[in-house]
C-alpha atoms as a PDB file:
ATOM      1  CA  MET A   1     139.600 140.550-128.150  1.00  0.00           C
ATOM      2  CA  GLU A   2     135.990 140.064-127.147  1.00  0.00           C
ATOM      3  CA  LEU A   3     134.956 142.823-129.564  1.00  0.00           C
ATOM      4  CA  THR A   4     136.796 141.060-132.374  1.00  0.00           C
ATOM      5  CA  GLN A   5     135.107 137.731-131.594  1.00  0.00           C
ATOM      6  CA  LEU A   6     131.735 139.432-131.406  1.00  0.00           C
ATOM      7  CA  LYS A   7     132.364 141.068-134.733  1.00  0.00           C
ATOM      8  CA  ASN A   8     133.302 137.721-136.278  1.00  0.00           C
ATOM      9  CA  VAL A   9     130.153 136.113-134.864  1.00  0.00           C
ATOM     10  CA  ASN A  10     128.067 138.912-136.335  1.00  0.00           C
ATOM     11  CA  ASN A  11     129.759 138.449-139.698  1.00  0.00           C
ATOM     12  CA  LEU A  12     129.058 134.706-139.626  1.00  0.00           C
ATOM     13  CA  ASN A  13     125.433 135.337-138.720  1.00  0.00           C
ATOM     14  CA  HIS A  14     125.194 137.861-141.541  1.00  0.00           C
ATOM     15  CA  ILE A  15     126.639 135.357-144.013  1.00  0.00           C
ATOM     16  CA  ASN A  16     124.268 132.650-142.787  1.00  0.00           C
ATOM     17  CA  ASP A  17     121.342 135.028-143.214  1.00  0.00           C
ATOM     18  CA  ILE A  18     122.470 135.752-146.785  1.00  0.00           C
ATOM     19  CA  LYS A  19     122.780 132.033-147.554  1.00  0.00           C
ATOM     20  CA  SER A  20     119.359 131.374-146.104  1.00  0.00           C
ATOM     21  CA  SER A  21     117.914 134.216-148.144  1.00  0.00           C
ATOM     22  CA  LEU A  22     119.571 132.934-151.287  1.00  0.00           C
ATOM     23  CA  LYS A  23     118.173 129.440-150.740  1.00  0.00           C
ATOM     24  CA  THR A  24     114.680 130.846-150.212  1.00  0.00           C
ATOM     25  CA  ASN A  25     114.917 133.033-153.297  1.00  0.00           C
ATOM     26  CA  ASN A  26     116.362 130.180-155.285  1.00  0.00           C
ATOM     27  CA  LEU A  27     113.471 127.893-154.376  1.00  0.00           C
ATOM     28  CA  GLN A  28     110.953 130.591-155.239  1.00  0.00           C
ATOM     29  CA  ASN A  29     112.642 131.281-158.560  1.00  0.00           C
ATOM     30  CA  ASN A  30     112.817 127.576-159.394  1.00  0.00           C
ATOM     31  CA  LYS A  31     109.122 127.267-158.641  1.00  0.00           C
ATOM     32  CA  GLN A  32     108.352 130.178-160.956  1.00  0.00           C
ATOM     33  CA  VAL A  33     110.486 128.672-163.720  1.00  0.00           C
ATOM     34  CA  ILE A  34     108.787 125.300-163.401  1.00  0.00           C
ATOM     35  CA  GLU A  35     105.365 126.927-163.496  1.00  0.00           C
ATOM     36  CA  LYS A  36     106.303 128.979-166.546  1.00  0.00           C
ATOM     37  CA  TYR A  37     108.191 126.260-168.414  1.00  0.00           C
ATOM     38  CA  PRO A  38     106.863 122.728-167.801  1.00  0.00           C
ATOM     39  CA  SER A  39     109.289 119.847-167.702  1.00  0.00           C
ATOM     40  CA  GLU A  40     110.698 118.727-171.020  1.00  0.00           C
ATOM     41  CA  LYS A  41     109.890 115.148-170.150  1.00  0.00           C
ATOM     42  CA  VAL A  42     106.721 114.501-172.101  1.00  0.00           C
ATOM     43  CA  GLU A  43     104.707 111.368-171.673  1.00  0.00           C
ATOM     44  CA  ILE A  44     103.815 110.166-175.159  1.00  0.00           C
ATOM     45  CA  GLN A  45     100.098 109.510-175.057  1.00  0.00           C
ATOM     46  CA  GLN A  46      99.593 108.157-178.548  1.00  0.00           C
ATOM     47  CA  GLN A  47     102.145 105.405-179.016  1.00  0.00           C
ATOM     48  CA  ASN A  48     100.184 103.932-181.919  1.00  0.00           C
ATOM     49  CA  SER A  49     100.361 107.232-183.785  1.00  0.00           C
ATOM     50  CA  SER A  50     104.121 107.471-183.222  1.00  0.00           C
ATOM     51  CA  ASN A  51     104.667 103.874-184.333  1.00  0.00           C
ATOM     52  CA  SER A  52     102.558 104.487-187.420  1.00  0.00           C
ATOM     53  CA  PHE A  53     104.652 107.521-188.299  1.00  0.00           C
ATOM     54  CA  LEU A  54     107.935 105.607-187.962  1.00  0.00           C
ATOM     55  CA  THR A  55     106.554 102.694-189.973  1.00  0.00           C
ATOM     56  CA  ASN A  56     105.425 105.049-192.730  1.00  0.00           C
ATOM     57  CA  ILE A  57     108.793 106.814-192.907  1.00  0.00           C
ATOM     58  CA  SER A  58     110.679 103.507-192.936  1.00  0.00           C
ATOM     59  CA  SER A  59     108.396 102.156-195.664  1.00  0.00           C
ATOM     60  CA  ASN A  60     108.847 105.273-197.798  1.00  0.00           C
ATOM     61  CA  ILE A  61     112.625 105.130-197.442  1.00  0.00           C
ATOM     62  CA  ASN A  62     112.580 101.524-198.669  1.00  0.00           C
ATOM     63  CA  LYS A  63     110.301 102.455-201.574  1.00  0.00           C
ATOM     64  CA  ILE A  64     112.590 105.248-202.711  1.00  0.00           C
ATOM     65  CA  ALA A  65     115.635 102.983-202.380  1.00  0.00           C
ATOM     66  CA  ASP A  66     113.956 100.309-204.558  1.00  0.00           C
ATOM     67  CA  LEU A  67     112.858 102.868-207.150  1.00  0.00           C
ATOM     68  CA  GLN A  68     116.321 104.420-207.305  1.00  0.00           C
ATOM     69  CA  LYS A  69     117.804 100.952-207.784  1.00  0.00           C
ATOM     70  CA  THR A  70     115.408 100.408-210.685  1.00  0.00           C
ATOM     71  CA  GLN A  71     116.394 103.795-212.103  1.00  0.00           C
ATOM     72  CA  SER A  72     120.019 102.725-212.060  1.00  0.00           C
ATOM     73  CA  MET A  73     119.188  99.465-213.851  1.00  0.00           C
ATOM     74  CA  VAL A  74     117.186 101.305-216.497  1.00  0.00           C
ATOM     75  CA  SER A  75     120.127 103.670-216.963  1.00  0.00           C
ATOM     76  CA  ASN A  76     122.377 100.636-217.572  1.00  0.00           C
ATOM     77  CA  GLN A  77     119.912  99.293-220.132  1.00  0.00           C
ATOM     78  CA  LEU A  78     119.835 102.613-221.982  1.00  0.00           C
ATOM     79  CA  GLU A  79     123.619 102.500-222.095  1.00  0.00           C
ATOM     80  CA  ILE A  80     123.419  99.032-223.628  1.00  0.00           C
ATOM     81  CA  THR A  81     121.003 100.227-226.324  1.00  0.00           C
ATOM     82  CA  SER A  82     123.493 102.981-227.196  1.00  0.00           C
ATOM     83  CA  LYS A  83     126.255 100.367-227.503  1.00  0.00           C
ATOM     84  CA  LEU A  84     124.006  98.244-229.706  1.00  0.00           C
ATOM     85  CA  VAL A  85     123.432 101.174-232.046  1.00  0.00           C
ATOM     86  CA  LYS A  86     127.160 101.936-232.183  1.00  0.00           C
ATOM     87  CA  THR A  87     128.079  98.300-232.816  1.00  0.00           C
ATOM     88  CA  THR A  88     125.459  97.926-235.557  1.00  0.00           C
ATOM     89  CA  ASP A  89     126.491 101.222-237.167  1.00  0.00           C
ATOM     90  CA  THR A  90     130.113 100.034-237.292  1.00  0.00           C
ATOM     91  CA  ALA A  91     129.122  97.081-239.491  1.00  0.00           C
ATOM     92  CA  VAL A  92     126.496  98.862-241.574  1.00  0.00           C
ATOM     93  CA  ASN A  93     128.826 101.750-242.429  1.00  0.00           C
ATOM     94  CA  SER A  94     131.824  99.545-243.143  1.00  0.00           C
ATOM     95  CA  ASN A  95     132.839  98.130-246.506  1.00  0.00           C
ATOM     96  CA  SER A  96     134.946  95.412-244.962  1.00  0.00           C
ATOM     97  CA  ILE A  97     132.877  94.288-241.962  1.00  0.00           C
ATOM     98  CA  GLN A  98     129.704  92.291-242.333  1.00  0.00           C
ATOM     99  CA  LEU A  99     126.851  92.618-239.817  1.00  0.00           C
ATOM    100  CA  ASP A 100     127.102  88.925-238.961  1.00  0.00           C
ATOM    101  CA  ASP A 101     130.723  89.531-237.991  1.00  0.00           C
ATOM    102  CA  LYS A 102     129.361  91.603-235.107  1.00  0.00           C
ATOM    103  CA  GLN A 103     126.831  88.937-234.115  1.00  0.00           C
ATOM    104  CA  PRO A 104     128.735  87.759-230.981  1.00  0.00           C
ATOM    105  CA  ASP A 105     129.015  91.346-229.703  1.00  0.00           C
ATOM    106  CA  ILE A 106     125.376  92.141-230.457  1.00  0.00           C
ATOM    107  CA  LYS A 107     124.128  88.896-228.895  1.00  0.00           C
ATOM    108  CA  ASN A 108     126.248  89.528-225.781  1.00  0.00           C
ATOM    109  CA  LEU A 109     124.783  93.028-225.370  1.00  0.00           C
ATOM    110  CA  ILE A 110     121.235  91.729-225.840  1.00  0.00           C
ATOM    111  CA  ASP A 111     121.817  88.957-223.275  1.00  0.00           C
ATOM    112  CA  ASN A 112     123.144  91.493-220.754  1.00  0.00           C
ATOM    113  CA  PHE A 113     120.107  93.691-221.364  1.00  0.00           C
ATOM    114  CA  ASN A 114     117.720  90.793-220.734  1.00  0.00           C
ATOM    115  CA  VAL A 115     119.565  89.742-217.556  1.00  0.00           C
ATOM    116  CA  ILE A 116     119.008  93.235-216.149  1.00  0.00           C
ATOM    117  CA  SER A 117     115.314  93.066-217.104  1.00  0.00           C
ATOM    118  CA  LYS A 118     114.927  89.952-214.934  1.00  0.00           C
ATOM    119  CA  GLY A 119     116.051  91.917-211.862  1.00  0.00           C
ATOM    120  CA  ILE A 120     113.711  94.863-212.377  1.00  0.00           C
ATOM    121  CA  ASN A 121     110.794  95.022-209.958  1.00  0.00           C
ATOM    122  CA  THR A 122     107.686  95.946-211.947  1.00  0.00           C
ATOM    123  CA  THR A 123     105.058  95.196-209.291  1.00  0.00           C
ATOM    124  CA  GLU A 124     104.187  98.860-208.757  1.00  0.00           C
ATOM    125  CA  ILE A 125     104.739 100.069-212.311  1.00  0.00           C
ATOM    126  CA  SER A 126     103.057  98.585-215.340  1.00  0.00           C
ATOM    127  CA  ASP A 127     106.028  97.564-217.485  1.00  0.00           C
ATOM    128  CA  GLU A 128     105.731  93.829-217.876  1.00  0.00           C
ATOM    129  CA  VAL A 129     105.267  93.723-221.665  1.00  0.00           C
ATOM    130  CA  GLY A 130     108.283  94.009-223.922  1.00  0.00           C
ATOM    131  CA  ILE A 131     110.949  94.286-221.228  1.00  0.00           C
ATOM    132  CA  TYR A 132     113.163  91.784-223.101  1.00  0.00           C
ATOM    133  CA  PHE A 133     114.855  91.846-226.461  1.00  0.00           C
ATOM    134  CA  ASP A 134     113.591  89.082-228.714  1.00  0.00           C
ATOM    135  CA  GLY A 135     116.345  86.501-228.913  1.00  0.00           C
ATOM    136  CA  GLN A 136     115.839  86.258-232.663  1.00  0.00           C
ATOM    137  CA  VAL A 137     117.166  89.820-233.037  1.00  0.00           C
ATOM    138  CA  GLY A 138     120.647  88.653-232.049  1.00  0.00           C
ATOM    139  CA  SER A 139     120.624  85.464-234.090  1.00  0.00           C
ATOM    140  CA  ARG A 140     122.135  84.935-237.516  1.00  0.00           C
ATOM    141  CA  PRO A 141     121.443  86.081-240.068  1.00  0.00           C
ATOM    142  CA  LEU A 142     121.299  89.525-238.550  1.00  0.00           C
ATOM    143  CA  ASN A 143     119.036  92.166-240.019  1.00  0.00           C
ATOM    144  CA  SER A 144     119.980  95.793-239.368  1.00  0.00           C
ATOM    145  CA  THR A 145     116.377  96.991-239.859  1.00  0.00           C
ATOM    146  CA  GLU A 146     115.100  94.583-237.213  1.00  0.00           C
ATOM    147  CA  ILE A 147     117.928  95.513-234.862  1.00  0.00           C
ATOM    148  CA  TYR A 148     117.313  99.263-235.168  1.00  0.00           C
ATOM    149  CA  TYR A 149     113.560  98.784-234.768  1.00  0.00           C
ATOM    150  CA  ALA A 150     114.000  96.645-231.621  1.00  0.00           C
ATOM    151  CA  ILE A 151     116.456  99.165-230.167  1.00  0.00           C
ATOM    152  CA  ASN A 152     114.112 102.100-230.791  1.00  0.00           C
ATOM    153  CA  GLN A 153     111.230 100.175-229.195  1.00  0.00           C
ATOM    154  CA  GLN A 154     113.271  99.503-226.076  1.00  0.00           C
ATOM    155  CA  LYS A 155     114.563 103.094-225.845  1.00  0.00           C
ATOM    156  CA  GLU A 156     111.001 104.433-226.088  1.00  0.00           C
ATOM    157  CA  ARG A 157     109.798 101.982-223.461  1.00  0.00           C
ATOM    158  CA  LEU A 158     112.677 102.780-221.113  1.00  0.00           C
ATOM    159  CA  SER A 159     112.103 106.513-221.523  1.00  0.00           C
ATOM    160  CA  GLN A 160     108.466 106.120-220.464  1.00  0.00           C
ATOM    161  CA  PHE A 161     109.516 103.758-217.698  1.00  0.00           C
ATOM    162  CA  ASN A 162     111.965 106.352-216.362  1.00  0.00           C
ATOM    163  CA  LYS A 163     109.210 108.977-216.263  1.00  0.00           C
ATOM    164  CA  GLN A 164     106.989 106.623-214.272  1.00  0.00           C
ATOM    165  CA  ILE A 165     109.783 105.898-211.804  1.00  0.00           C
ATOM    166  CA  ALA A 166     110.531 109.621-211.349  1.00  0.00           C
ATOM    167  CA  SER A 167     106.823 110.266-210.752  1.00  0.00           C
ATOM    168  CA  GLN A 168     106.693 107.459-208.187  1.00  0.00           C
ATOM    169  CA  ILE A 169     109.728 108.835-206.350  1.00  0.00           C
ATOM    170  CA  GLU A 170     108.262 112.343-206.275  1.00  0.00           C
ATOM    171  CA  SER A 171     104.961 110.990-204.954  1.00  0.00           C
ATOM    172  CA  VAL A 172     106.711 109.133-202.122  1.00  0.00           C
ATOM    173  CA  LYS A 173     108.765 112.243-201.274  1.00  0.00           C
ATOM    174  CA  VAL A 174     105.618 114.379-201.075  1.00  0.00           C
ATOM    175  CA  ASP A 175     103.896 111.791-198.875  1.00  0.00           C
ATOM    176  CA  THR A 176     106.935 111.691-196.577  1.00  0.00           C
ATOM    177  CA  LYS A 177     107.063 115.483-196.238  1.00  0.00           C
ATOM    178  CA  VAL A 178     103.336 115.604-195.437  1.00  0.00           C
ATOM    179  CA  ASN A 179     103.746 112.955-192.732  1.00  0.00           C
ATOM    180  CA  ILE A 180     106.765 114.689-191.216  1.00  0.00           C
ATOM    181  CA  GLU A 181     104.979 118.049-191.141  1.00  0.00           C
ATOM    182  CA  PHE A 182     101.883 116.463-189.580  1.00  0.00           C
ATOM    183  CA  GLN A 183     103.989 114.698-186.938  1.00  0.00           C
ATOM    184  CA  LYS A 184     105.834 117.946-186.219  1.00  0.00           C
ATOM    185  CA  GLU A 185     102.597 119.874-185.700  1.00  0.00           C
ATOM    186  CA  THR A 186     101.157 117.074-183.552  1.00  0.00           C
ATOM    187  CA  THR A 187     104.290 116.940-181.382  1.00  0.00           C
ATOM    188  CA  GLU A 188     104.365 120.710-180.936  1.00  0.00           C
ATOM    189  CA  ILE A 189     100.745 120.656-179.758  1.00  0.00           C
ATOM    190  CA  GLU A 190     101.380 117.775-177.325  1.00  0.00           C
ATOM    191  CA  VAL A 191     104.602 119.238-175.935  1.00  0.00           C
ATOM    192  CA  GLY A 192     103.418 122.821-175.909  1.00  0.00           C
ATOM    193  CA  PHE A 193     106.303 124.362-177.786  1.00  0.00           C
ATOM    194  CA  LYS A 194     105.926 128.014-178.640  1.00  0.00           C
ATOM    195  CA  ASN A 195     107.617 130.305-181.112  1.00  0.00           C
ATOM    196  CA  ILE A 196     110.183 132.506-179.372  1.00  0.00           C
ATOM    197  CA  ASP A 197     110.951 136.058-180.375  1.00  0.00           C
ATOM    198  CA  TYR A 198     114.663 136.007-179.528  1.00  0.00           C
ATOM    199  CA  ALA A 199     115.111 139.722-180.239  1.00  0.00           C
ATOM    200  CA  LYS A 200     112.354 140.587-177.786  1.00  0.00           C
ATOM    201  CA  GLU A 201     113.653 138.125-175.187  1.00  0.00           C
ATOM    202  CA  SER A 202     117.164 139.594-175.505  1.00  0.00           C
ATOM    203  CA  GLU A 203     115.880 143.118-174.921  1.00  0.00           C
ATOM    204  CA  GLN A 204     114.296 141.978-171.674  1.00  0.00           C
ATOM    205  CA  PHE A 205     117.552 140.398-170.515  1.00  0.00           C
ATOM    206  CA  ASN A 206     118.975 143.439-168.724  1.00  0.00           C
ATOM    207  CA  SER A 207     120.320 144.433-165.312  1.00  0.00           C
ATOM    208  CA  SER A 208     116.850 144.929-163.808  1.00  0.00           C
ATOM    209  CA  THR A 209     115.854 141.435-164.916  1.00  0.00           C
ATOM    210  CA  LEU A 210     119.009 140.000-163.382  1.00  0.00           C
ATOM    211  CA  ASN A 211     118.392 141.832-160.125  1.00  0.00           C
ATOM    212  CA  SER A 212     114.933 140.311-159.901  1.00  0.00           C
ATOM    213  CA  VAL A 213     116.294 136.779-160.187  1.00  0.00           C
ATOM    214  CA  LYS A 214     119.763 137.120-158.700  1.00  0.00           C
ATOM    215  CA  GLY A 215     118.743 135.003-155.736  1.00  0.00           C
ATOM    216  CA  GLY A 216     118.787 132.016-158.081  1.00  0.00           C
ATOM    217  CA  ILE A 217     122.201 132.735-159.547  1.00  0.00           C
ATOM    218  CA  ILE A 218     124.964 130.359-158.514  1.00  0.00           C
ATOM    219  CA  PRO A 219     128.070 132.141-157.192  1.00  0.00           C
ATOM    220  CA  SER A 220     130.926 132.141-159.660  1.00  0.00           C
ATOM    221  CA  GLN A 221     133.317 131.049-156.900  1.00  0.00           C
ATOM    222  CA  ALA A 222     132.738 129.096-153.750  1.00  0.00           C
ATOM    223  CA  ASN A 223     133.880 131.933-151.460  1.00  0.00           C
ATOM    224  CA  ALA A 224     132.840 134.859-153.637  1.00  0.00           C
ATOM    225  CA  PHE A 225     130.062 137.183-152.576  1.00  0.00           C
ATOM    226  CA  PRO A 226     126.949 136.415-154.674  1.00  0.00           C
ATOM    227  CA  VAL A 227     126.446 140.052-155.623  1.00  0.00           C
ATOM    228  CA  HIS A 228     129.321 139.675-158.129  1.00  0.00           C
ATOM    229  CA  SER A 229     127.797 136.688-159.897  1.00  0.00           C
ATOM    230  CA  GLU A 230     125.225 138.561-161.935  1.00  0.00           C
ATOM    231  CA  LYS A 231     127.975 140.847-163.224  1.00  0.00           C
ATOM    232  CA  LEU A 232     129.233 137.918-165.241  1.00  0.00           C
ATOM    233  CA  LEU A 233     125.993 137.946-167.199  1.00  0.00           C
ATOM    234  CA  ALA A 234     125.370 141.688-167.299  1.00  0.00           C
END
């Protein structure tokens, strides 16, 4: 009986020694990890720079949204010019329909075109001259030559306008990409990120590596012997 109790005491002491050793190894390993990989909590030192970046990105997003809205409006105006041509052609090519018979339809299309022109923001793009159809074009007596000329003028203007908008959008996109790349590089320098060769790191992750750090491995079960834990990763 006494031998059994003594043996149990020895076993308990042995287990306590193992636990103590594991705690010591764990602390040492944690210290090494901290020294090798600094905390991910990074104190941002240049708040003004960060705020400037966010302001720039927000501003560029709004610019692109406004330009795309203008693009959509110009697209609607081009559609109207196509309808004007079709409506005028119907009268000109008909033996029974006079051009003045189409005057209400033509005037309505011209009015819709001019309403859209009022909503177009031209502060950043020079397009303030000739953005409206002359009201006389839609008034009786209608003249097909004047109508076709006015339509062609507007289509040419809108085509150039579209090119300017596309150029503006591309310019804003390039500026945004440059700012994002600059912010990325700045952040990587501040945080200290490094490129990782995952293939190389994987090769080093072997049984010998696990044995060197097994003191920091958490047992897979509360009552399981720690020596089995690294087998889960091996």
